[in-house]
């Protein structure tokens, strides 16, 4: 699964658009106050986590985009 596929899967499951942000694919405007995220890490890997109270809290780091996508789905469902 890649970032576009995970966006489609979350939308099909009825997950609210403002509850998640996927870097480069799904970036709601205006930016929600709190949301789940999937983004590319500084080390070239992938990160999933929660943005709350003005701060990104990384829950997990992943070596593959597919692994990060699967984790985001598990967080959102």
N, C-alpha and C. Protein backbone atom coordinates (compact mmCIF):
# COMPACT_ATOMS: atom_id res chain seq x y z
N UNK A 1 0.85 -1.18 0.00
CA UNK A 1 0.00 0.00 0.00
C UNK A 1 0.90 1.24 0.00
N UNK A 2 0.53 2.24 -0.81
CA UNK A 2 1.27 3.49 -0.81
C UNK A 2 0.38 4.61 -0.26
N UNK A 3 0.91 5.83 -0.21
CA UNK A 3 0.18 6.95 0.41
C UNK A 3 -1.14 7.25 -0.30
N UNK A 4 -1.18 7.17 -1.60
CA UNK A 4 -2.42 7.44 -2.33
C UNK A 4 -3.47 6.36 -2.05
N UNK A 5 -3.03 5.13 -1.99
CA UNK A 5 -3.94 4.03 -1.71
C UNK A 5 -4.49 4.11 -0.29
N UNK A 6 -3.66 4.51 0.65
CA UNK A 6 -4.14 4.62 2.04
C UNK A 6 -5.14 5.77 2.16
N UNK A 7 -4.91 6.86 1.46
CA UNK A 7 -5.89 7.96 1.45
C UNK A 7 -7.23 7.46 0.93
N UNK A 8 -7.21 6.72 -0.17
CA UNK A 8 -8.44 6.19 -0.74
C UNK A 8 -9.13 5.22 0.22
N UNK A 9 -8.35 4.38 0.89
CA UNK A 9 -8.91 3.41 1.84
C UNK A 9 -9.55 4.12 3.04
N UNK A 10 -8.90 5.16 3.55
CA UNK A 10 -9.46 5.89 4.69
C UNK A 10 -10.74 6.62 4.28
N UNK A 11 -10.73 7.21 3.10
CA UNK A 11 -11.93 7.90 2.61
C UNK A 11 -13.08 6.91 2.42
N UNK A 12 -12.79 5.75 1.85
CA UNK A 12 -13.82 4.74 1.64
C UNK A 12 -14.38 4.20 2.96
N UNK A 13 -13.56 4.19 3.99
CA UNK A 13 -13.99 3.72 5.31
C UNK A 13 -14.74 4.80 6.09
N UNK A 14 -14.82 6.00 5.52
CA UNK A 14 -15.56 7.07 6.17
C UNK A 14 -14.77 7.83 7.23
N UNK A 15 -13.46 7.69 7.23
CA UNK A 15 -12.63 8.43 8.18
C UNK A 15 -12.65 9.91 7.78
N UNK A 16 -12.93 10.78 8.72
CA UNK A 16 -13.06 12.21 8.45
C UNK A 16 -11.78 12.79 7.86
N UNK A 17 -11.94 13.60 6.81
CA UNK A 17 -10.79 14.21 6.12
C UNK A 17 -9.85 14.96 7.07
N UNK A 18 -10.41 15.64 8.05
CA UNK A 18 -9.60 16.44 8.95
C UNK A 18 -8.93 15.68 10.06
N UNK A 19 -9.10 14.37 10.10
CA UNK A 19 -8.51 13.61 11.20
C UNK A 19 -7.13 13.03 10.86
N UNK A 20 -6.67 13.24 9.63
CA UNK A 20 -5.36 12.72 9.25
C UNK A 20 -4.72 13.61 8.19
N UNK A 21 -3.39 13.54 8.13
CA UNK A 21 -2.60 14.28 7.14
C UNK A 21 -1.56 13.32 6.58
N UNK A 22 -1.51 13.21 5.27
CA UNK A 22 -0.53 12.36 4.60
C UNK A 22 0.33 13.28 3.73
N UNK A 23 1.57 13.40 4.10
CA UNK A 23 2.47 14.32 3.42
C UNK A 23 2.45 14.13 1.90
N UNK A 24 2.22 15.23 1.19
CA UNK A 24 2.25 15.23 -0.25
C UNK A 24 1.02 14.66 -0.94
N UNK A 25 0.07 14.13 -0.16
CA UNK A 25 -1.10 13.48 -0.74
C UNK A 25 -2.41 14.04 -0.18
N UNK A 26 -2.48 14.18 1.11
CA UNK A 26 -3.71 14.66 1.76
C UNK A 26 -3.31 15.64 2.87
N UNK A 27 -3.44 16.92 2.56
CA UNK A 27 -3.04 17.97 3.49
C UNK A 27 -4.20 18.95 3.64
N UNK A 28 -5.14 18.66 4.55
CA UNK A 28 -6.35 19.47 4.70
C UNK A 28 -6.05 20.95 4.98
N UNK A 29 -6.88 21.81 4.40
CA UNK A 29 -6.78 23.25 4.61
C UNK A 29 -8.16 23.73 5.04
N UNK A 30 -8.25 24.46 6.12
CA UNK A 30 -7.18 24.83 7.04
C UNK A 30 -6.67 23.60 7.80
N UNK A 31 -5.48 23.72 8.32
CA UNK A 31 -4.88 22.62 9.07
C UNK A 31 -5.69 22.37 10.34
N UNK A 32 -6.11 21.13 10.54
CA UNK A 32 -6.86 20.80 11.76
C UNK A 32 -6.03 21.02 13.02
N UNK A 33 -6.70 21.15 14.14
CA UNK A 33 -6.02 21.36 15.42
C UNK A 33 -5.27 20.11 15.84
N UNK A 34 -5.91 18.96 15.70
CA UNK A 34 -5.32 17.66 16.06
C UNK A 34 -5.54 16.69 14.91
N UNK A 35 -4.54 15.86 14.61
CA UNK A 35 -4.68 14.88 13.53
C UNK A 35 -3.61 13.81 13.59
N UNK A 36 -3.87 12.68 12.97
CA UNK A 36 -2.88 11.64 12.75
C UNK A 36 -2.05 12.05 11.55
N UNK A 37 -0.80 11.62 11.50
CA UNK A 37 0.01 11.97 10.34
C UNK A 37 0.88 10.82 9.87
N UNK A 38 1.22 10.91 8.59
CA UNK A 38 2.20 10.04 7.95
C UNK A 38 3.11 10.97 7.16
N UNK A 39 4.39 10.91 7.44
CA UNK A 39 5.33 11.80 6.76
C UNK A 39 6.67 11.10 6.58
N UNK A 40 7.46 11.66 5.67
CA UNK A 40 8.80 11.14 5.46
C UNK A 40 9.69 11.69 6.57
N UNK A 41 10.48 10.82 7.16
CA UNK A 41 11.39 11.22 8.23
C UNK A 41 12.66 11.84 7.70
N UNK A 42 13.38 12.48 8.56
CA UNK A 42 14.65 13.13 8.18
C UNK A 42 15.70 12.12 7.73
N UNK A 43 15.59 10.90 8.23
CA UNK A 43 16.58 9.87 7.89
C UNK A 43 16.25 9.10 6.61
N UNK A 44 15.16 9.52 5.92
CA UNK A 44 14.76 8.85 4.69
C UNK A 44 13.70 7.79 4.90
N UNK A 45 13.43 7.43 6.16
CA UNK A 45 12.36 6.48 6.47
C UNK A 45 11.03 7.20 6.54
N UNK A 46 10.09 6.61 7.22
CA UNK A 46 8.73 7.15 7.34
C UNK A 46 8.33 7.21 8.79
N UNK A 47 7.49 8.18 9.14
CA UNK A 47 7.02 8.35 10.51
C UNK A 47 5.50 8.43 10.53
N UNK A 48 4.92 7.84 11.56
CA UNK A 48 3.50 7.98 11.82
C UNK A 48 3.35 8.50 13.24
N UNK A 49 2.29 9.28 13.46
CA UNK A 49 2.09 9.81 14.78
C UNK A 49 0.87 10.67 14.89
N UNK A 50 0.87 11.50 15.92
CA UNK A 50 -0.25 12.37 16.25
C UNK A 50 0.26 13.80 16.40
N UNK A 51 -0.48 14.74 15.83
CA UNK A 51 -0.20 16.15 16.02
C UNK A 51 -1.24 16.65 17.03
N UNK A 52 -0.77 17.08 18.20
CA UNK A 52 -1.63 17.57 19.26
C UNK A 52 -0.97 18.75 19.94
N UNK A 53 -1.79 19.72 20.31
CA UNK A 53 -1.31 20.85 21.10
C UNK A 53 -0.09 21.53 20.47
N UNK A 54 -0.10 21.60 19.14
CA UNK A 54 0.97 22.28 18.43
C UNK A 54 2.27 21.53 18.30
N UNK A 55 2.24 20.22 18.52
CA UNK A 55 3.47 19.44 18.49
C UNK A 55 3.25 18.08 17.82
N UNK A 56 4.22 17.69 16.97
CA UNK A 56 4.19 16.36 16.35
C UNK A 56 4.75 15.34 17.36
N UNK A 57 3.98 14.31 17.63
CA UNK A 57 4.41 13.23 18.51
C UNK A 57 4.56 11.97 17.64
N UNK A 58 5.79 11.60 17.34
CA UNK A 58 6.03 10.41 16.51
C UNK A 58 5.75 9.18 17.35
N UNK A 59 4.87 8.32 16.84
CA UNK A 59 4.54 7.07 17.52
C UNK A 59 5.46 5.96 17.04
N UNK A 60 5.74 5.94 15.73
CA UNK A 60 6.57 4.88 15.17
C UNK A 60 7.35 5.38 13.96
N UNK A 61 8.51 4.77 13.77
CA UNK A 61 9.33 5.02 12.58
C UNK A 61 9.34 3.74 11.77
N UNK A 62 9.28 3.90 10.45
CA UNK A 62 9.17 2.75 9.55
C UNK A 62 10.23 2.84 8.45
N UNK A 63 10.73 1.70 8.04
CA UNK A 63 11.74 1.69 6.97
C UNK A 63 11.10 1.74 5.59
N UNK A 64 9.80 1.42 5.51
CA UNK A 64 9.12 1.42 4.20
C UNK A 64 7.85 2.26 4.25
N UNK A 65 7.48 2.78 3.11
CA UNK A 65 6.23 3.52 2.98
C UNK A 65 5.04 2.59 3.26
N UNK A 66 5.11 1.37 2.77
CA UNK A 66 4.02 0.41 2.98
C UNK A 66 3.80 0.14 4.47
N UNK A 67 4.86 0.00 5.22
CA UNK A 67 4.75 -0.22 6.67
C UNK A 67 4.11 0.96 7.38
N UNK A 68 4.50 2.16 6.97
CA UNK A 68 3.93 3.37 7.55
C UNK A 68 2.45 3.50 7.20
N UNK A 69 2.10 3.15 5.97
CA UNK A 69 0.69 3.22 5.54
C UNK A 69 -0.16 2.25 6.34
N UNK A 70 0.32 1.04 6.52
CA UNK A 70 -0.43 0.06 7.30
C UNK A 70 -0.62 0.53 8.73
N UNK A 71 0.40 1.14 9.30
CA UNK A 71 0.30 1.63 10.68
C UNK A 71 -0.70 2.78 10.77
N UNK A 72 -0.70 3.69 9.80
CA UNK A 72 -1.66 4.79 9.82
C UNK A 72 -3.09 4.26 9.76
N UNK A 73 -3.32 3.26 8.92
CA UNK A 73 -4.67 2.68 8.83
C UNK A 73 -5.07 2.10 10.20
N UNK A 74 -4.15 1.40 10.85
CA UNK A 74 -4.48 0.81 12.15
C UNK A 74 -4.78 1.88 13.20
N UNK A 75 -4.10 3.02 13.11
CA UNK A 75 -4.37 4.12 14.05
C UNK A 75 -5.72 4.77 13.78
N UNK A 76 -6.07 4.88 12.51
CA UNK A 76 -7.28 5.62 12.12
C UNK A 76 -8.55 4.81 12.27
N UNK A 77 -8.46 3.51 12.26
CA UNK A 77 -9.68 2.68 12.30
C UNK A 77 -10.09 2.34 13.70
